Amino acid sequence: MRSLLRVELHFPPLLPTLWIVTSPLALLLYERLLPGSALGNKLRDQGYRIQHLTDAASLAATAEQEKPLIVFVDLELKGTDTCAAIRSLKANGATAHLPILAFSSPRHEQLQADALAAGATLIASDEAILAQLEQMLDQAMLVE
């Protein structure tokens, strides 16, 4: 009688390839609760991770280390030259490409003009950045 040899091949189950998807990071430099915290909440609702900063001097180093998709700057930080922080982002080869959305109350027209001259991508009033955030994000990504 012949012996039958039964061969079974076992293949490990193929696991679906898992893509680790992280949400994009937005750096948010502000100290005024309104519009700063409201802006952070709106960004989270749109799927962004938020890193809140209050020290403009650390903005460029943080951006270089954390690699955000976009940067938001409250131009009305007390005792801080936010335009110098914007210039330092644009002067650094690792962060020069980042879109920067700066905001302030409408009465700070000169500060807004200085921020544009320093390299801000878009300037908005506090109210406009909250009301038109989605459109501004789209525009900032197109510009850069």
Protein backbone atom coordinates (compact mmCIF):
# COMPACT_ATOMS: atom_id res chain seq x y z
CA MET A 1 0.00 0.00 0.00
CA ARG A 2 1.20 3.36 -0.90
CA SER A 3 1.60 5.98 1.67
CA LEU A 4 0.14 9.27 0.69
CA LEU A 5 2.07 12.26 1.71
CA ARG A 6 -0.09 15.21 2.37
CA VAL A 7 1.58 18.55 2.11
CA GLU A 8 -0.05 21.57 3.58
CA LEU A 9 1.28 24.95 2.91
CA HIS A 10 0.59 27.55 5.53
CA PHE A 11 0.89 31.14 4.55
CA PRO A 12 0.72 33.78 7.17
CA PRO A 13 -2.42 35.81 6.80
CA LEU A 14 -1.79 38.94 4.90
CA LEU A 15 -2.44 41.87 7.10
CA PRO A 16 -3.79 44.91 5.39
CA THR A 17 -1.15 47.51 5.01
CA LEU A 18 -1.68 50.04 7.72
CA TRP A 19 -0.90 53.61 6.89
CA ILE A 20 -0.13 55.66 9.89
CA VAL A 21 -1.85 58.89 9.16
CA THR A 22 -1.35 61.79 11.44
CA SER A 23 -3.29 64.95 11.24
CA PRO A 24 -1.42 68.04 10.07
CA LEU A 25 0.15 70.27 12.67
CA ALA A 26 -0.58 73.98 12.97
CA LEU A 27 1.59 76.19 15.15
CA LEU A 28 -0.51 78.85 16.82
CA LEU A 29 1.31 81.78 18.42
CA TYR A 30 -1.06 83.82 20.57
CA GLU A 31 -1.73 85.13 24.04
CA ARG A 32 -5.16 86.73 23.57
CA LEU A 33 -7.78 84.11 24.38
CA LEU A 34 -10.14 85.50 21.81
CA PRO A 35 -9.52 84.86 18.94
CA GLY A 36 -6.62 82.50 19.79
CA SER A 37 -8.49 79.71 21.57
CA ALA A 38 -11.45 79.95 19.20
CA LEU A 39 -9.06 79.63 16.25
CA GLY A 40 -7.46 76.58 17.86
CA ASN A 41 -10.87 74.97 18.31
CA LYS A 42 -11.84 75.63 14.68
CA LEU A 43 -8.57 74.15 13.47
CA ARG A 44 -9.10 71.03 15.60
CA ASP A 45 -12.60 70.70 14.12
CA GLN A 46 -10.96 70.67 10.69
CA GLY A 47 -8.58 67.88 11.69
CA TYR A 48 -5.47 69.81 12.67
CA ARG A 49 -3.28 69.14 15.67
CA ILE A 50 -2.44 72.38 17.46
CA GLN A 51 0.73 73.41 19.18
CA HIS A 52 0.14 76.60 21.14
CA LEU A 53 3.06 78.97 21.63
CA THR A 54 3.25 82.19 23.61
CA ASP A 55 6.92 83.00 23.02
CA ALA A 56 7.60 84.53 19.61
CA ALA A 57 11.34 84.02 20.05
CA SER A 58 10.88 80.24 19.99
CA LEU A 59 8.66 80.20 16.89
CA ALA A 60 11.37 79.49 14.28
CA ALA A 61 13.09 76.80 16.35
CA THR A 62 9.78 75.12 17.16
CA ALA A 63 8.72 75.22 13.52
CA GLU A 64 12.02 73.71 12.42
CA GLN A 65 11.73 70.90 14.97
CA GLU A 66 8.00 70.13 14.74
CA LYS A 67 7.53 70.63 10.98
CA PRO A 68 4.03 72.13 10.91
CA LEU A 69 1.93 72.50 7.80
CA ILE A 70 0.99 76.09 8.64
CA VAL A 71 1.75 78.81 11.18
CA PHE A 72 -0.67 81.30 12.73
CA VAL A 73 0.66 84.45 14.39
CA ASP A 74 -1.29 86.83 16.61
CA LEU A 75 0.33 90.16 15.82
CA GLU A 76 -0.77 91.68 19.12
CA LEU A 77 1.55 89.85 21.52
CA LYS A 78 2.50 92.30 24.25
CA GLY A 79 6.15 93.29 24.41
CA THR A 80 7.06 91.08 21.47
CA ASP A 81 8.18 91.83 17.94
CA THR A 82 6.01 89.34 16.06
CA CYS A 83 7.30 90.67 12.75
CA ALA A 84 10.83 89.65 13.79
CA ALA A 85 9.47 86.15 14.48
CA ILE A 86 7.92 86.06 10.99
CA ARG A 87 11.20 87.27 9.45
CA SER A 88 13.12 84.55 11.30
CA LEU A 89 10.78 81.89 9.88
CA LYS A 90 11.29 83.19 6.36
CA ALA A 91 15.07 83.55 6.79
CA ASN A 92 15.49 79.91 7.87
CA GLY A 93 15.81 77.55 4.91
CA ALA A 94 14.00 74.80 6.81
CA THR A 95 10.93 76.96 7.51
CA ALA A 96 10.89 79.55 4.72
CA HIS A 97 8.28 77.57 2.77
CA LEU A 98 5.69 77.61 5.57
CA PRO A 99 2.54 79.65 4.98
CA ILE A 100 2.02 82.19 7.76
CA LEU A 101 -1.43 83.54 8.54
CA ALA A 102 -1.19 86.59 10.77
CA PHE A 103 -4.12 88.23 12.51
CA SER A 104 -4.93 91.26 14.61
CA SER A 105 -7.73 93.66 15.29
CA PRO A 106 -8.47 95.94 12.30
CA ARG A 107 -7.16 99.04 14.08
CA HIS A 108 -3.56 97.76 13.75
CA GLU A 109 -3.12 98.56 10.05
CA GLN A 110 0.57 99.44 10.34
CA LEU A 111 1.30 96.23 12.23
CA GLN A 112 -0.49 94.28 9.52
CA ALA A 113 1.52 96.03 6.79
CA ASP A 114 4.74 95.31 8.68
CA ALA A 115 3.78 91.63 8.95
CA LEU A 116 3.23 91.42 5.19
CA ALA A 117 6.60 93.07 4.61
CA ALA A 118 8.18 90.55 7.02
CA GLY A 119 6.84 87.65 4.97
CA ALA A 120 3.38 86.76 6.24
CA THR A 121 1.38 84.94 3.57
CA LEU A 122 -2.01 86.38 4.54
CA ILE A 123 -3.23 88.98 6.99
CA ALA A 124 -6.70 88.94 8.50
CA SER A 125 -8.69 90.65 11.19
CA ASP A 126 -9.60 88.65 14.26
CA GLU A 127 -13.18 88.30 13.06
CA ALA A 128 -12.29 87.39 9.47
CA ILE A 129 -9.86 84.64 10.39
CA LEU A 130 -12.56 82.92 12.42
CA ALA A 131 -15.36 83.45 9.91
CA GLN A 132 -13.37 82.58 6.79
CA LEU A 133 -10.79 80.12 8.12
CA GLU A 134 -11.43 77.38 5.58
CA GLN A 135 -11.08 79.73 2.61
CA MET A 136 -7.95 81.30 4.09
CA LEU A 137 -6.36 77.90 4.61
CA ASP A 138 -7.07 77.02 0.98
CA GLN A 139 -5.66 80.33 -0.22
CA ALA A 140 -2.54 80.08 1.95
CA MET A 141 -1.77 76.61 0.61
CA LEU A 142 -2.14 77.83 -2.99
CA VAL A 143 0.07 80.84 -2.47
CA GLU A 144 2.95 78.80 -1.11
